């Protein structure tokens, strides 16, 4: 019988910062627009966390039944290890998705933006399609693209829109920053499994690029948020010096440099588990810094789209 601890581990709690980060950044942007809504922010957080857990269980199920997790160096997988049946893990994924759906309905009812239901439906389909279905996009090297779109642009801008009814330029740059680090988390994960994913038929971006170029790509992904912060500061409309508040993100730069050097110097296998954890924490730190920066800099980015 699967234990509670195994179910928690199967939910991959180390990935949850990637769900919370865009909500924090988007909420900071909404506050910069003078439109902070605590209830909407909380519902966005529940929705994001539920979708992340649903993706994790769906990934465990799909990789497990395909045999992709039969040989791995990372944390335990429920189906691959035999700790839980595929049917049970699939039900867990559907349950997490249902929780997200309820949170999405509540968010639409609270804000009155019912068209966001369509966005939520697309997110649920994308969550399943990562490793599920006959042609999972995660096996085609498109995982990072979808992570950037849904756990970066959609989650961050969606959080801002749910509270403010508009999306600022600063919010979009925060979305780019958060999405880029989310991609780095996935890249580190795929680097860890690069030697087993290829033979198993899982053509991730790391497999397609090759190990050396994938490591360089990880470092570039971690550099993007600091460029984004500079642009957000340059376009902020608040009074000096608060207009420079988005540059608060630079306080996390030493961590990004340290992680990049670890990966560029060839960390592999279990060493990358720590990199995964710390990249998730970096994303959370960048999101908090962006949230404060966009809030303090006044109308976030000064313009709305």
C-alpha atoms as a PDB file:
ATOM      1  CA  UNK A   1       0.000   0.000   0.000  1.00  0.00           C
ATOM      2  CA  UNK A   2       1.310   3.431  -0.930  1.00  0.00           C
ATOM      3  CA  UNK A   3       2.194   5.508   2.127  1.00  0.00           C
ATOM      4  CA  UNK A   4       1.299   9.142   2.652  1.00  0.00           C
ATOM      5  CA  UNK A   5       4.998  10.061   2.494  1.00  0.00           C
ATOM      6  CA  UNK A   6       5.298   8.367  -0.910  1.00  0.00           C
ATOM      7  CA  UNK A   7       2.294  10.274  -2.252  1.00  0.00           C
ATOM      8  CA  UNK A   8       3.834  13.525  -1.015  1.00  0.00           C
ATOM      9  CA  UNK A   9       7.155  12.659  -2.655  1.00  0.00           C
ATOM     10  CA  UNK A  10       5.314  11.702  -5.834  1.00  0.00           C
ATOM     11  CA  UNK A  11       3.759  15.181  -5.890  1.00  0.00           C
ATOM     12  CA  UNK A  12       7.363  16.499  -6.163  1.00  0.00           C
ATOM     13  CA  UNK A  13       7.199  19.306  -3.588  1.00  0.00           C
ATOM     14  CA  UNK A  14      10.557  20.673  -4.809  1.00  0.00           C
ATOM     15  CA  UNK A  15       8.783  21.851  -7.971  1.00  0.00           C
ATOM     16  CA  UNK A  16       6.105  23.855  -6.146  1.00  0.00           C
ATOM     17  CA  UNK A  17       8.128  27.102  -6.071  1.00  0.00           C
ATOM     18  CA  UNK A  18       7.659  27.105  -9.859  1.00  0.00           C
ATOM     19  CA  UNK A  19       3.895  27.264  -9.243  1.00  0.00           C
ATOM     20  CA  UNK A  20       3.975  29.930  -6.521  1.00  0.00           C
ATOM     21  CA  UNK A  21       6.575  32.200  -8.159  1.00  0.00           C
ATOM     22  CA  UNK A  22       4.449  33.522 -11.063  1.00  0.00           C
ATOM     23  CA  UNK A  23       1.556  34.240  -8.696  1.00  0.00           C
ATOM     24  CA  UNK A  24       3.840  36.292  -6.453  1.00  0.00           C
ATOM     25  CA  UNK A  25       5.295  38.231  -9.375  1.00  0.00           C
ATOM     26  CA  UNK A  26       1.891  38.816 -10.940  1.00  0.00           C
ATOM     27  CA  UNK A  27       0.432  39.951  -7.633  1.00  0.00           C
ATOM     28  CA  UNK A  28       3.272  42.452  -7.174  1.00  0.00           C
ATOM     29  CA  UNK A  29       2.522  43.854 -10.614  1.00  0.00           C
ATOM     30  CA  UNK A  30      -1.164  44.163  -9.709  1.00  0.00           C
ATOM     31  CA  UNK A  31      -0.214  45.975  -6.494  1.00  0.00           C
ATOM     32  CA  UNK A  32       1.892  48.356  -8.583  1.00  0.00           C
ATOM     33  CA  UNK A  33      -1.251  49.152 -10.511  1.00  0.00           C
ATOM     34  CA  UNK A  34      -3.097  49.781  -7.233  1.00  0.00           C
ATOM     35  CA  UNK A  35      -5.294  46.730  -7.740  1.00  0.00           C
ATOM     36  CA  UNK A  36      -4.134  44.135  -5.196  1.00  0.00           C
ATOM     37  CA  UNK A  37      -6.861  41.540  -4.495  1.00  0.00           C
ATOM     38  CA  UNK A  38      -5.948  39.056  -1.777  1.00  0.00           C
ATOM     39  CA  UNK A  39      -8.782  36.619  -2.543  1.00  0.00           C
ATOM     40  CA  UNK A  40      -7.946  36.504  -6.249  1.00  0.00           C
ATOM     41  CA  UNK A  41      -4.247  36.060  -5.456  1.00  0.00           C
ATOM     42  CA  UNK A  42      -4.996  33.151  -3.113  1.00  0.00           C
ATOM     43  CA  UNK A  43      -7.232  31.457  -5.684  1.00  0.00           C
ATOM     44  CA  UNK A  44      -4.534  31.912  -8.335  1.00  0.00           C
ATOM     45  CA  UNK A  45      -2.036  30.266  -5.977  1.00  0.00           C
ATOM     46  CA  UNK A  46      -4.320  27.291  -5.303  1.00  0.00           C
ATOM     47  CA  UNK A  47      -4.954  26.923  -9.025  1.00  0.00           C
ATOM     48  CA  UNK A  48      -1.245  27.061  -9.894  1.00  0.00           C
ATOM     49  CA  UNK A  49      -0.203  24.599  -7.187  1.00  0.00           C
ATOM     50  CA  UNK A  50      -2.980  22.167  -8.117  1.00  0.00           C
ATOM     51  CA  UNK A  51      -1.988  22.261 -11.785  1.00  0.00           C
ATOM     52  CA  UNK A  52       1.684  21.724 -10.893  1.00  0.00           C
ATOM     53  CA  UNK A  53       0.808  18.684  -8.784  1.00  0.00           C
ATOM     54  CA  UNK A  54      -1.463  17.411 -11.567  1.00  0.00           C
ATOM     55  CA  UNK A  55       1.399  17.741 -14.064  1.00  0.00           C
ATOM     56  CA  UNK A  56       3.728  15.883 -11.709  1.00  0.00           C
ATOM     57  CA  UNK A  57       1.368  12.966 -11.142  1.00  0.00           C
ATOM     58  CA  UNK A  58       0.459  12.835 -14.844  1.00  0.00           C
ATOM     59  CA  UNK A  59       4.153  12.770 -15.706  1.00  0.00           C
ATOM     60  CA  UNK A  60       4.741   9.978 -13.178  1.00  0.00           C
ATOM     61  CA  UNK A  61       1.866   7.987 -14.663  1.00  0.00           C
ATOM     62  CA  UNK A  62       2.763   8.472 -18.330  1.00  0.00           C
ATOM     63  CA  UNK A  63       6.511   7.920 -17.928  1.00  0.00           C
ATOM     64  CA  UNK A  64       5.822   4.938 -15.697  1.00  0.00           C
ATOM     65  CA  UNK A  65       3.559   3.118 -18.143  1.00  0.00           C
ATOM     66  CA  UNK A  66       5.986   3.867 -20.995  1.00  0.00           C
ATOM     67  CA  UNK A  67       8.930   2.503 -19.012  1.00  0.00           C
ATOM     68  CA  UNK A  68      10.858   5.781 -19.176  1.00  0.00           C
ATOM     69  CA  UNK A  69      11.357   5.771 -15.393  1.00  0.00           C
ATOM     70  CA  UNK A  70      12.672   2.214 -15.224  1.00  0.00           C
ATOM     71  CA  UNK A  71      16.265   3.513 -15.079  1.00  0.00           C
ATOM     72  CA  UNK A  72      16.747   6.848 -13.350  1.00  0.00           C
ATOM     73  CA  UNK A  73      18.974   8.592 -10.806  1.00  0.00           C
ATOM     74  CA  UNK A  74      16.446  11.056  -9.441  1.00  0.00           C
ATOM     75  CA  UNK A  75      13.861  10.844  -6.665  1.00  0.00           C
ATOM     76  CA  UNK A  76      11.445   7.923  -6.439  1.00  0.00           C
ATOM     77  CA  UNK A  77       8.607   7.701  -8.950  1.00  0.00           C
ATOM     78  CA  UNK A  78       5.374   6.061  -7.857  1.00  0.00           C
ATOM     79  CA  UNK A  79       4.644   3.997 -10.962  1.00  0.00           C
ATOM     80  CA  UNK A  80       8.236   3.360 -12.013  1.00  0.00           C
ATOM     81  CA  UNK A  81       9.164   2.056  -8.555  1.00  0.00           C
ATOM     82  CA  UNK A  82       6.013  -0.012  -8.195  1.00  0.00           C
ATOM     83  CA  UNK A  83       4.968   1.929  -5.086  1.00  0.00           C
ATOM     84  CA  UNK A  84       1.570   2.717  -6.631  1.00  0.00           C
ATOM     85  CA  UNK A  85      -0.467   1.369  -9.504  1.00  0.00           C
ATOM     86  CA  UNK A  86      -0.764   3.374 -12.712  1.00  0.00           C
ATOM     87  CA  UNK A  87      -4.525   3.665 -12.166  1.00  0.00           C
ATOM     88  CA  UNK A  88      -4.049   5.144  -8.693  1.00  0.00           C
ATOM     89  CA  UNK A  89      -1.528   7.717  -9.907  1.00  0.00           C
ATOM     90  CA  UNK A  90      -3.780   8.636 -12.816  1.00  0.00           C
ATOM     91  CA  UNK A  91      -6.644   9.214 -10.366  1.00  0.00           C
ATOM     92  CA  UNK A  92      -4.367  11.423  -8.259  1.00  0.00           C
ATOM     93  CA  UNK A  93      -3.534  13.497 -11.342  1.00  0.00           C
ATOM     94  CA  UNK A  94      -7.213  13.877 -12.191  1.00  0.00           C
ATOM     95  CA  UNK A  95      -8.059  14.796  -8.592  1.00  0.00           C
ATOM     96  CA  UNK A  96      -5.380  17.498  -8.530  1.00  0.00           C
ATOM     97  CA  UNK A  97      -6.677  18.763 -11.865  1.00  0.00           C
ATOM     98  CA  UNK A  98     -10.204  18.847 -10.437  1.00  0.00           C
ATOM     99  CA  UNK A  99      -9.011  20.918  -7.466  1.00  0.00           C
ATOM    100  CA  UNK A 100      -7.459  23.321  -9.942  1.00  0.00           C
ATOM    101  CA  UNK A 101     -10.711  23.410 -11.886  1.00  0.00           C
ATOM    102  CA  UNK A 102     -12.721  24.303  -8.777  1.00  0.00           C
ATOM    103  CA  UNK A 103     -10.215  27.036  -7.898  1.00  0.00           C
ATOM    104  CA  UNK A 104     -10.503  28.349 -11.462  1.00  0.00           C
ATOM    105  CA  UNK A 105     -14.289  28.446 -11.255  1.00  0.00           C
ATOM    106  CA  UNK A 106     -14.108  30.282  -7.944  1.00  0.00           C
ATOM    107  CA  UNK A 107     -11.622  32.762  -9.416  1.00  0.00           C
ATOM    108  CA  UNK A 108     -13.901  33.494 -12.373  1.00  0.00           C
ATOM    109  CA  UNK A 109     -16.899  33.918 -10.059  1.00  0.00           C
ATOM    110  CA  UNK A 110     -14.952  36.288  -7.805  1.00  0.00           C
ATOM    111  CA  UNK A 111     -13.490  38.434 -10.577  1.00  0.00           C
ATOM    112  CA  UNK A 112     -16.255  38.162 -13.162  1.00  0.00           C
ATOM    113  CA  UNK A 113     -13.719  37.275 -15.872  1.00  0.00           C
ATOM    114  CA  UNK A 114     -15.474  34.131 -17.079  1.00  0.00           C
ATOM    115  CA  UNK A 115     -13.450  33.933 -20.296  1.00  0.00           C
ATOM    116  CA  UNK A 116     -10.521  32.850 -18.125  1.00  0.00           C
ATOM    117  CA  UNK A 117     -12.228  29.438 -17.993  1.00  0.00           C
ATOM    118  CA  UNK A 118     -11.034  28.879 -21.548  1.00  0.00           C
ATOM    119  CA  UNK A 119      -7.476  29.670 -20.464  1.00  0.00           C
ATOM    120  CA  UNK A 120      -7.809  27.203 -17.591  1.00  0.00           C
ATOM    121  CA  UNK A 121      -9.095  24.501 -19.933  1.00  0.00           C
ATOM    122  CA  UNK A 122      -6.093  24.980 -22.214  1.00  0.00           C
ATOM    123  CA  UNK A 123      -3.809  24.735 -19.178  1.00  0.00           C
ATOM    124  CA  UNK A 124      -5.385  21.414 -18.163  1.00  0.00           C
ATOM    125  CA  UNK A 125      -4.952  20.026 -21.673  1.00  0.00           C
ATOM    126  CA  UNK A 126      -1.340  21.208 -21.708  1.00  0.00           C
ATOM    127  CA  UNK A 127      -0.729  19.570 -18.322  1.00  0.00           C
ATOM    128  CA  UNK A 128      -1.858  16.206 -19.646  1.00  0.00           C
ATOM    129  CA  UNK A 129      -0.147  16.591 -23.015  1.00  0.00           C
ATOM    130  CA  UNK A 130       3.326  17.047 -21.494  1.00  0.00           C
ATOM    131  CA  UNK A 131       3.895  13.296 -21.252  1.00  0.00           C
ATOM    132  CA  UNK A 132       0.390  11.951 -21.898  1.00  0.00           C
ATOM    133  CA  UNK A 133      -1.372  11.000 -25.110  1.00  0.00           C
ATOM    134  CA  UNK A 134       0.013   9.412 -28.254  1.00  0.00           C
ATOM    135  CA  UNK A 135       2.417  12.284 -29.034  1.00  0.00           C
ATOM    136  CA  UNK A 136       3.495  13.948 -25.764  1.00  0.00           C
ATOM    137  CA  UNK A 137       5.233  17.248 -26.438  1.00  0.00           C
ATOM    138  CA  UNK A 138       7.676  16.609 -23.595  1.00  0.00           C
ATOM    139  CA  UNK A 139       9.089  13.755 -25.680  1.00  0.00           C
ATOM    140  CA  UNK A 140       9.514  16.048 -28.681  1.00  0.00           C
ATOM    141  CA  UNK A 141      11.778  18.634 -27.060  1.00  0.00           C
ATOM    142  CA  UNK A 142       8.970  21.157 -26.549  1.00  0.00           C
ATOM    143  CA  UNK A 143       8.705  20.915 -22.774  1.00  0.00           C
ATOM    144  CA  UNK A 144      10.621  24.116 -22.121  1.00  0.00           C
ATOM    145  CA  UNK A 145       8.488  26.034 -24.629  1.00  0.00           C
ATOM    146  CA  UNK A 146       5.271  25.009 -22.915  1.00  0.00           C
ATOM    147  CA  UNK A 147       6.693  25.640 -19.431  1.00  0.00           C
ATOM    148  CA  UNK A 148       7.711  29.149 -20.490  1.00  0.00           C
ATOM    149  CA  UNK A 149       4.248  29.828 -21.901  1.00  0.00           C
ATOM    150  CA  UNK A 150       2.109  28.353 -19.124  1.00  0.00           C
ATOM    151  CA  UNK A 151       4.258  28.660 -15.972  1.00  0.00           C
ATOM    152  CA  UNK A 152       5.709  31.974 -17.085  1.00  0.00           C
ATOM    153  CA  UNK A 153       3.578  34.124 -19.369  1.00  0.00           C
ATOM    154  CA  UNK A 154       0.107  32.734 -18.671  1.00  0.00           C
ATOM    155  CA  UNK A 155       0.480  32.267 -14.911  1.00  0.00           C
ATOM    156  CA  UNK A 156       2.112  35.636 -14.226  1.00  0.00           C
ATOM    157  CA  UNK A 157       0.080  37.772 -16.614  1.00  0.00           C
ATOM    158  CA  UNK A 158      -3.081  35.851 -15.694  1.00  0.00           C
ATOM    159  CA  UNK A 159      -2.558  36.612 -12.007  1.00  0.00           C
ATOM    160  CA  UNK A 160      -2.106  40.302 -12.762  1.00  0.00           C
ATOM    161  CA  UNK A 161      -5.158  40.411 -15.022  1.00  0.00           C
ATOM    162  CA  UNK A 162      -7.344  38.566 -12.508  1.00  0.00           C
ATOM    163  CA  UNK A 163      -6.668  41.331  -9.979  1.00  0.00           C
ATOM    164  CA  UNK A 164      -6.190  44.447 -12.105  1.00  0.00           C
ATOM    165  CA  UNK A 165      -8.224  43.733 -15.237  1.00  0.00           C
ATOM    166  CA  UNK A 166      -5.166  44.614 -17.327  1.00  0.00           C
ATOM    167  CA  UNK A 167      -1.530  43.526 -17.691  1.00  0.00           C
ATOM    168  CA  UNK A 168       1.334  46.004 -17.365  1.00  0.00           C
ATOM    169  CA  UNK A 169       4.577  46.001 -19.296  1.00  0.00           C
ATOM    170  CA  UNK A 170       6.389  45.272 -16.037  1.00  0.00           C
ATOM    171  CA  UNK A 171       4.200  42.223 -15.477  1.00  0.00           C
ATOM    172  CA  UNK A 172       5.143  40.859 -18.901  1.00  0.00           C
ATOM    173  CA  UNK A 173       8.847  41.230 -18.134  1.00  0.00           C
ATOM    174  CA  UNK A 174       8.320  39.531 -14.783  1.00  0.00           C
ATOM    175  CA  UNK A 175       6.566  36.731 -16.666  1.00  0.00           C
ATOM    176  CA  UNK A 176       9.560  36.376 -18.980  1.00  0.00           C
ATOM    177  CA  UNK A 177      11.917  36.224 -15.982  1.00  0.00           C
ATOM    178  CA  UNK A 178       9.887  33.657 -14.053  1.00  0.00           C
ATOM    179  CA  UNK A 179       9.223  31.575 -17.151  1.00  0.00           C
ATOM    180  CA  UNK A 180      12.898  31.474 -18.041  1.00  0.00           C
ATOM    181  CA  UNK A 181      13.892  30.097 -14.642  1.00  0.00           C
ATOM    182  CA  UNK A 182      11.047  27.566 -14.819  1.00  0.00           C
ATOM    183  CA  UNK A 183      12.606  26.412 -18.095  1.00  0.00           C
ATOM    184  CA  UNK A 184      15.985  26.154 -16.346  1.00  0.00           C
ATOM    185  CA  UNK A 185      14.430  23.862 -13.729  1.00  0.00           C
ATOM    186  CA  UNK A 186      13.185  21.562 -16.468  1.00  0.00           C
ATOM    187  CA  UNK A 187      16.524  21.741 -18.278  1.00  0.00           C
ATOM    188  CA  UNK A 188      18.381  20.717 -15.116  1.00  0.00           C
ATOM    189  CA  UNK A 189      15.945  17.845 -14.641  1.00  0.00           C
ATOM    190  CA  UNK A 190      16.433  16.684 -18.211  1.00  0.00           C
ATOM    191  CA  UNK A 191      20.213  17.062 -17.965  1.00  0.00           C
ATOM    192  CA  UNK A 192      20.144  14.653 -15.040  1.00  0.00           C
ATOM    193  CA  UNK A 193      18.373  12.063 -17.187  1.00  0.00           C
ATOM    194  CA  UNK A 194      19.980  12.916 -20.532  1.00  0.00           C
ATOM    195  CA  UNK A 195      21.785   9.574 -20.844  1.00  0.00           C
ATOM    196  CA  UNK A 196      18.676   7.492 -20.132  1.00  0.00           C
ATOM    197  CA  UNK A 197      15.963   9.591 -21.822  1.00  0.00           C
ATOM    198  CA  UNK A 198      17.406   9.210 -25.326  1.00  0.00           C
ATOM    199  CA  UNK A 199      17.494   5.390 -25.337  1.00  0.00           C
ATOM    200  CA  UNK A 200      13.991   5.376 -23.819  1.00  0.00           C
ATOM    201  CA  UNK A 201      12.689   7.444 -26.751  1.00  0.00           C
ATOM    202  CA  UNK A 202      12.239  10.644 -24.735  1.00  0.00           C
ATOM    203  CA  UNK A 203      13.758  13.331 -26.994  1.00  0.00           C
ATOM    204  CA  UNK A 204      13.851  16.209 -24.538  1.00  0.00           C
ATOM    205  CA  UNK A 205      15.473  19.512 -25.467  1.00  0.00           C
ATOM    206  CA  UNK A 206      18.568  18.422 -23.513  1.00  0.00           C
ATOM    207  CA  UNK A 207      18.783  15.250 -25.597  1.00  0.00           C
ATOM    208  CA  UNK A 208      18.288  17.174 -28.837  1.00  0.00           C
ATOM    209  CA  UNK A 209      20.860  19.843 -27.977  1.00  0.00           C
ATOM    210  CA  UNK A 210      23.436  17.468 -26.578  1.00  0.00           C
ATOM    211  CA  UNK A 211      24.832  17.690 -23.074  1.00  0.00           C
ATOM    212  CA  UNK A 212      27.344  20.525 -23.586  1.00  0.00           C
ATOM    213  CA  UNK A 213      24.925  22.868 -25.355  1.00  0.00           C
ATOM    214  CA  UNK A 214      22.166  21.999 -22.879  1.00  0.00           C
ATOM    215  CA  UNK A 215      24.417  23.152 -20.035  1.00  0.00           C
ATOM    216  CA  UNK A 216      25.071  26.442 -21.819  1.00  0.00           C
ATOM    217  CA  UNK A 217      21.334  26.812 -22.419  1.00  0.00           C
ATOM    218  CA  UNK A 218      20.698  26.393 -18.678  1.00  0.00           C
ATOM    219  CA  UNK A 219      23.115  29.232 -17.911  1.00  0.00           C
ATOM    220  CA  UNK A 220      21.487  31.478 -20.526  1.00  0.00           C
ATOM    221  CA  UNK A 221      18.058  30.771 -19.037  1.00  0.00           C
ATOM    222  CA  UNK A 222      19.305  31.955 -15.645  1.00  0.00           C
ATOM    223  CA  UNK A 223      20.708  35.149 -17.194  1.00  0.00           C
ATOM    224  CA  UNK A 224      17.390  36.216 -18.776  1.00  0.00           C
ATOM    225  CA  UNK A 225      15.701  37.484 -15.562  1.00  0.00           C
ATOM    226  CA  UNK A 226      18.405  40.098 -14.992  1.00  0.00           C
ATOM    227  CA  UNK A 227      18.018  41.494 -18.492  1.00  0.00           C
ATOM    228  CA  UNK A 228      14.250  41.520 -17.943  1.00  0.00           C
ATOM    229  CA  UNK A 229      14.673  43.375 -14.642  1.00  0.00           C
ATOM    230  CA  UNK A 230      16.782  46.035 -16.349  1.00  0.00           C
ATOM    231  CA  UNK A 231      14.154  46.578 -19.033  1.00  0.00           C
ATOM    232  CA  UNK A 232      11.369  46.685 -16.429  1.00  0.00           C
ATOM    233  CA  UNK A 233      13.274  49.362 -14.512  1.00  0.00           C
ATOM    234  CA  UNK A 234      13.958  51.338 -17.682  1.00  0.00           C
ATOM    235  CA  UNK A 235      10.245  51.387 -18.580  1.00  0.00           C
ATOM    236  CA  UNK A 236       8.895  52.060 -15.070  1.00  0.00           C
ATOM    237  CA  UNK A 237       6.906  55.262 -14.723  1.00  0.00           C
ATOM    238  CA  UNK A 238       7.321  55.826 -11.002  1.00  0.00           C
ATOM    239  CA  UNK A 239       9.399  58.645  -9.540  1.00  0.00           C
ATOM    240  CA  UNK A 240      13.164  58.206  -9.159  1.00  0.00           C
ATOM    241  CA  UNK A 241      14.598  56.307  -7.281  1.00  0.00           C
ATOM    242  CA  UNK A 242      11.594  53.990  -6.835  1.00  0.00           C
ATOM    243  CA  UNK A 243      11.452  53.538 -10.613  1.00  0.00           C
ATOM    244  CA  UNK A 244      14.645  51.494 -10.228  1.00  0.00           C
ATOM    245  CA  UNK A 245      13.017  49.096  -7.756  1.00  0.00           C
ATOM    246  CA  UNK A 246      12.821  46.194 -10.268  1.00  0.00           C
ATOM    247  CA  UNK A 247      16.631  46.116 -10.077  1.00  0.00           C
ATOM    248  CA  UNK A 248      16.114  44.528  -6.652  1.00  0.00           C
ATOM    249  CA  UNK A 249      16.205  41.296  -8.661  1.00  0.00           C
ATOM    250  CA  UNK A 250      19.980  41.785  -8.989  1.00  0.00           C
ATOM    251  CA  UNK A 251      20.352  40.717  -5.349  1.00  0.00           C
ATOM    252  CA  UNK A 252      19.777  37.127  -6.508  1.00  0.00           C
ATOM    253  CA  UNK A 253      22.449  37.296  -9.224  1.00  0.00           C
ATOM    254  CA  UNK A 254      25.222  35.661  -7.137  1.00  0.00           C
ATOM    255  CA  UNK A 255      23.029  32.575  -6.669  1.00  0.00           C
ATOM    256  CA  UNK A 256      22.340  32.397 -10.410  1.00  0.00           C
ATOM    257  CA  UNK A 257      26.059  32.657 -11.169  1.00  0.00           C
ATOM    258  CA  UNK A 258      26.914  29.940  -8.651  1.00  0.00           C
ATOM    259  CA  UNK A 259      24.296  27.558 -10.068  1.00  0.00           C
ATOM    260  CA  UNK A 260      25.392  28.264 -13.638  1.00  0.00           C
ATOM    261  CA  UNK A 261      29.008  27.453 -12.766  1.00  0.00           C
ATOM    262  CA  UNK A 262      28.006  24.184 -11.105  1.00  0.00           C
ATOM    263  CA  UNK A 263      26.140  23.083 -14.228  1.00  0.00           C
ATOM    264  CA  UNK A 264      28.734  24.388 -16.703  1.00  0.00           C
ATOM    265  CA  UNK A 265      31.470  22.514 -14.814  1.00  0.00           C
ATOM    266  CA  UNK A 266      29.715  19.224 -15.420  1.00  0.00           C
ATOM    267  CA  UNK A 267      27.516  18.398 -12.430  1.00  0.00           C
ATOM    268  CA  UNK A 268      25.571  15.251 -13.242  1.00  0.00           C
ATOM    269  CA  UNK A 269      23.393  12.543 -11.755  1.00  0.00           C
ATOM    270  CA  UNK A 270      22.471  13.062  -8.133  1.00  0.00           C
ATOM    271  CA  UNK A 271      24.484  16.306  -7.977  1.00  0.00           C
ATOM    272  CA  UNK A 272      21.801  17.864 -10.173  1.00  0.00           C
ATOM    273  CA  UNK A 273      19.094  17.110  -7.607  1.00  0.00           C
ATOM    274  CA  UNK A 274      20.510  19.903  -5.444  1.00  0.00           C
ATOM    275  CA  UNK A 275      20.709  22.144  -8.502  1.00  0.00           C
ATOM    276  CA  UNK A 276      17.024  21.472  -9.173  1.00  0.00           C
ATOM    277  CA  UNK A 277      16.084  22.414  -5.625  1.00  0.00           C
ATOM    278  CA  UNK A 278      18.201  25.556  -5.600  1.00  0.00           C
ATOM    279  CA  UNK A 279      16.990  26.666  -9.036  1.00  0.00           C
ATOM    280  CA  UNK A 280      13.439  26.441  -7.719  1.00  0.00           C
ATOM    281  CA  UNK A 281      14.404  28.570  -4.724  1.00  0.00           C
ATOM    282  CA  UNK A 282      16.117  31.033  -7.077  1.00  0.00           C
ATOM    283  CA  UNK A 283      12.896  31.330  -9.052  1.00  0.00           C
ATOM    284  CA  UNK A 284      11.029  32.069  -5.835  1.00  0.00           C
ATOM    285  CA  UNK A 285      13.607  34.710  -4.881  1.00  0.00           C
ATOM    286  CA  UNK A 286      13.459  36.370  -8.291  1.00  0.00           C
ATOM    287  CA  UNK A 287       9.642  36.381  -8.126  1.00  0.00           C
ATOM    288  CA  UNK A 288       9.617  38.017  -4.683  1.00  0.00           C
ATOM    289  CA  UNK A 289      12.164  40.619  -5.810  1.00  0.00           C
ATOM    290  CA  UNK A 290      10.153  41.343  -8.970  1.00  0.00           C
ATOM    291  CA  UNK A 291       6.928  41.555  -6.957  1.00  0.00           C
ATOM    292  CA  UNK A 292       8.399  44.104  -4.564  1.00  0.00           C
ATOM    293  CA  UNK A 293      10.099  45.982  -7.376  1.00  0.00           C
ATOM    294  CA  UNK A 294       6.962  46.314  -9.484  1.00  0.00           C
ATOM    295  CA  UNK A 295       4.900  47.276  -6.467  1.00  0.00           C
ATOM    296  CA  UNK A 296       7.325  49.959  -5.297  1.00  0.00           C
ATOM    297  CA  UNK A 297       7.989  51.354  -8.764  1.00  0.00           C
ATOM    298  CA  UNK A 298       4.392  52.576  -9.024  1.00  0.00           C
ATOM    299  CA  UNK A 299       2.314  51.777 -12.119  1.00  0.00           C
ATOM    300  CA  UNK A 300       4.205  48.598 -13.080  1.00  0.00           C
ATOM    301  CA  UNK A 301       6.035  49.346 -16.268  1.00  0.00           C
ATOM    302  CA  UNK A 302       4.023  52.529 -16.671  1.00  0.00           C
ATOM    303  CA  UNK A 303       2.076  51.171 -19.651  1.00  0.00           C
ATOM    304  CA  UNK A 304      -0.597  48.531 -20.120  1.00  0.00           C
ATOM    305  CA  UNK A 305      -1.207  46.160 -22.982  1.00  0.00           C
END
